[in-house]
Amino acid sequence: MFQNVFSTEGRIRRTEFALSILIHVAAVLFMFFLFAITKIDFFIVIAVVVWFAGIIFRVIQGAKRCHDIGLSGWFQFIPFFMFVMIFADSNRGSNRYGDNPKGIGNYYPIDEIGQKKY
């Protein structure tokens, strides 16, 4: 989980996608909380930087989640499509974006070497 977070290659599961959303929201809220307590403007600047980096992080994670469903990463920009990405199950087996991260339905012919067929 959370390998190559700044690469759009591959697929991720629902859990990793939901956790990436929670991490982004928690980081921004924490920075605004620090600003509210200390009243130091520096924390607002840091919160904006964290928010912007988090947006890039979430777009990349969203593209991987769309790949897991079997769609192009551009689908994530459809309004309310995030709910589909959170609740839809992944494609079984491999698709054009890679193997199923759950391992369900992945087929490798090399695994059949040495097995008897009756």
Protein backbone atom coordinates (compact mmCIF):
# COMPACT_ATOMS: atom_id res chain seq x y z
CA MET A 1 0.00 0.00 0.00
CA PHE A 2 1.17 3.53 -0.84
CA GLN A 3 3.93 2.50 -3.22
CA ASN A 4 4.87 4.94 -6.00
CA VAL A 5 2.32 7.51 -4.83
CA PHE A 6 3.42 10.08 -7.41
CA SER A 7 3.22 7.72 -10.39
CA THR A 8 0.02 7.21 -12.37
CA GLU A 9 1.02 3.68 -13.39
CA GLY A 10 -0.87 0.76 -11.92
CA ARG A 11 -3.99 0.23 -9.88
CA ILE A 12 -4.97 0.77 -6.24
CA ARG A 13 -7.72 -0.65 -4.07
CA ARG A 14 -10.63 1.19 -2.49
CA THR A 15 -8.92 1.20 0.91
CA GLU A 16 -5.83 3.02 -0.33
CA PHE A 17 -7.96 5.55 -2.19
CA ALA A 18 -10.14 6.29 0.85
CA LEU A 19 -7.07 6.54 3.09
CA SER A 20 -5.45 9.00 0.70
CA ILE A 21 -8.53 11.24 0.96
CA LEU A 22 -8.49 11.02 4.76
CA ILE A 23 -4.77 11.78 4.96
CA HIS A 24 -5.17 14.84 2.76
CA VAL A 25 -8.11 16.21 4.75
CA ALA A 26 -6.43 15.49 8.10
CA ALA A 27 -3.20 17.22 7.06
CA VAL A 28 -4.99 20.39 5.93
CA LEU A 29 -7.23 20.48 9.00
CA PHE A 30 -4.21 20.02 11.26
CA MET A 31 -2.44 22.99 9.68
CA PHE A 32 -5.54 25.19 10.04
CA PHE A 33 -5.86 23.99 13.64
CA LEU A 34 -2.27 25.07 14.31
CA PHE A 35 -3.07 28.46 12.78
CA ALA A 36 -6.19 28.84 14.94
CA ILE A 37 -4.22 28.11 18.10
CA THR A 38 -1.09 30.14 17.40
CA LYS A 39 -2.39 32.90 15.07
CA ILE A 40 0.89 32.69 13.16
CA ASP A 41 0.41 33.44 9.44
CA PHE A 42 3.15 30.98 8.55
CA PHE A 43 0.75 28.10 9.21
CA ILE A 44 -1.70 29.46 6.62
CA VAL A 45 1.09 29.45 4.02
CA ILE A 46 2.03 25.90 5.01
CA ALA A 47 -1.66 24.86 4.90
CA VAL A 48 -1.96 26.17 1.33
CA VAL A 49 1.20 24.30 0.30
CA VAL A 50 -0.07 21.11 1.99
CA TRP A 51 -3.46 21.55 0.31
CA PHE A 52 -1.88 22.01 -3.14
CA ALA A 53 0.47 19.02 -2.72
CA GLY A 54 -2.48 17.00 -1.46
CA ILE A 55 -4.54 17.89 -4.53
CA ILE A 56 -1.77 16.57 -6.77
CA PHE A 57 -1.53 13.46 -4.59
CA ARG A 58 -5.30 12.87 -4.74
CA VAL A 59 -5.50 13.35 -8.51
CA ILE A 60 -2.77 10.77 -9.04
CA GLN A 61 -4.40 8.35 -6.58
CA GLY A 62 -7.75 8.98 -8.30
CA ALA A 63 -6.25 8.09 -11.67
CA LYS A 64 -4.97 4.81 -10.24
CA ARG A 65 -8.38 4.07 -8.72
CA CYS A 66 -10.06 4.74 -12.08
CA HIS A 67 -7.56 2.34 -13.64
CA ASP A 68 -8.60 -0.29 -11.09
CA ILE A 69 -12.21 0.05 -12.22
CA GLY A 70 -11.06 -0.19 -15.85
CA LEU A 71 -11.61 3.44 -16.82
CA SER A 72 -9.41 6.31 -17.88
CA GLY A 73 -8.14 8.59 -15.14
CA TRP A 74 -10.06 11.50 -16.63
CA PHE A 75 -13.32 10.02 -15.29
CA GLN A 76 -12.43 11.26 -11.81
CA PHE A 77 -13.24 14.83 -12.87
CA ILE A 78 -16.91 13.97 -13.41
CA PRO A 79 -18.93 15.47 -10.54
CA PHE A 80 -19.79 12.94 -7.82
CA PHE A 81 -17.78 10.20 -9.58
CA MET A 82 -15.67 10.01 -6.42
CA PHE A 83 -18.49 7.99 -4.84
CA VAL A 84 -18.23 5.45 -7.65
CA MET A 85 -14.48 5.24 -7.07
CA ILE A 86 -15.00 4.67 -3.34
CA PHE A 87 -17.75 2.05 -3.59
CA ALA A 88 -17.24 0.26 -6.94
CA ASP A 89 -15.41 -3.05 -6.91
CA SER A 90 -12.33 -3.50 -9.04
CA ASN A 91 -12.12 -5.44 -12.29
CA ARG A 92 -11.31 -9.09 -11.83
CA GLY A 93 -7.92 -10.08 -13.13
CA SER A 94 -5.64 -7.98 -15.24
CA ASN A 95 -6.76 -5.10 -17.38
CA ARG A 96 -4.82 -2.75 -19.64
CA TYR A 97 -3.56 -0.84 -16.59
CA GLY A 98 -2.04 -3.81 -14.76
CA ASP A 99 -2.82 -6.70 -12.47
CA ASN A 100 -5.59 -6.71 -9.90
CA PRO A 101 -4.06 -5.45 -6.64
CA LYS A 102 -6.17 -7.96 -4.69
CA GLY A 103 -4.74 -10.79 -6.77
CA ILE A 104 -8.23 -12.02 -7.65
CA GLY A 105 -8.42 -13.38 -11.16
CA ASN A 106 -4.80 -12.71 -12.09
CA TYR A 107 -3.60 -15.47 -14.40
CA TYR A 108 0.00 -16.28 -15.11
CA PRO A 109 0.72 -19.18 -17.50
CA ILE A 110 4.10 -19.71 -15.83
CA ASP A 111 2.25 -20.98 -12.73
CA GLU A 112 1.05 -24.03 -14.68
CA ILE A 113 4.54 -25.36 -15.38
CA GLY A 114 5.07 -28.66 -13.62
CA GLN A 115 1.40 -29.29 -12.84
CA LYS A 116 -0.22 -32.43 -14.15
CA LYS A 117 -3.28 -32.11 -16.35
CA TYR A 118 -5.65 -35.04 -16.17
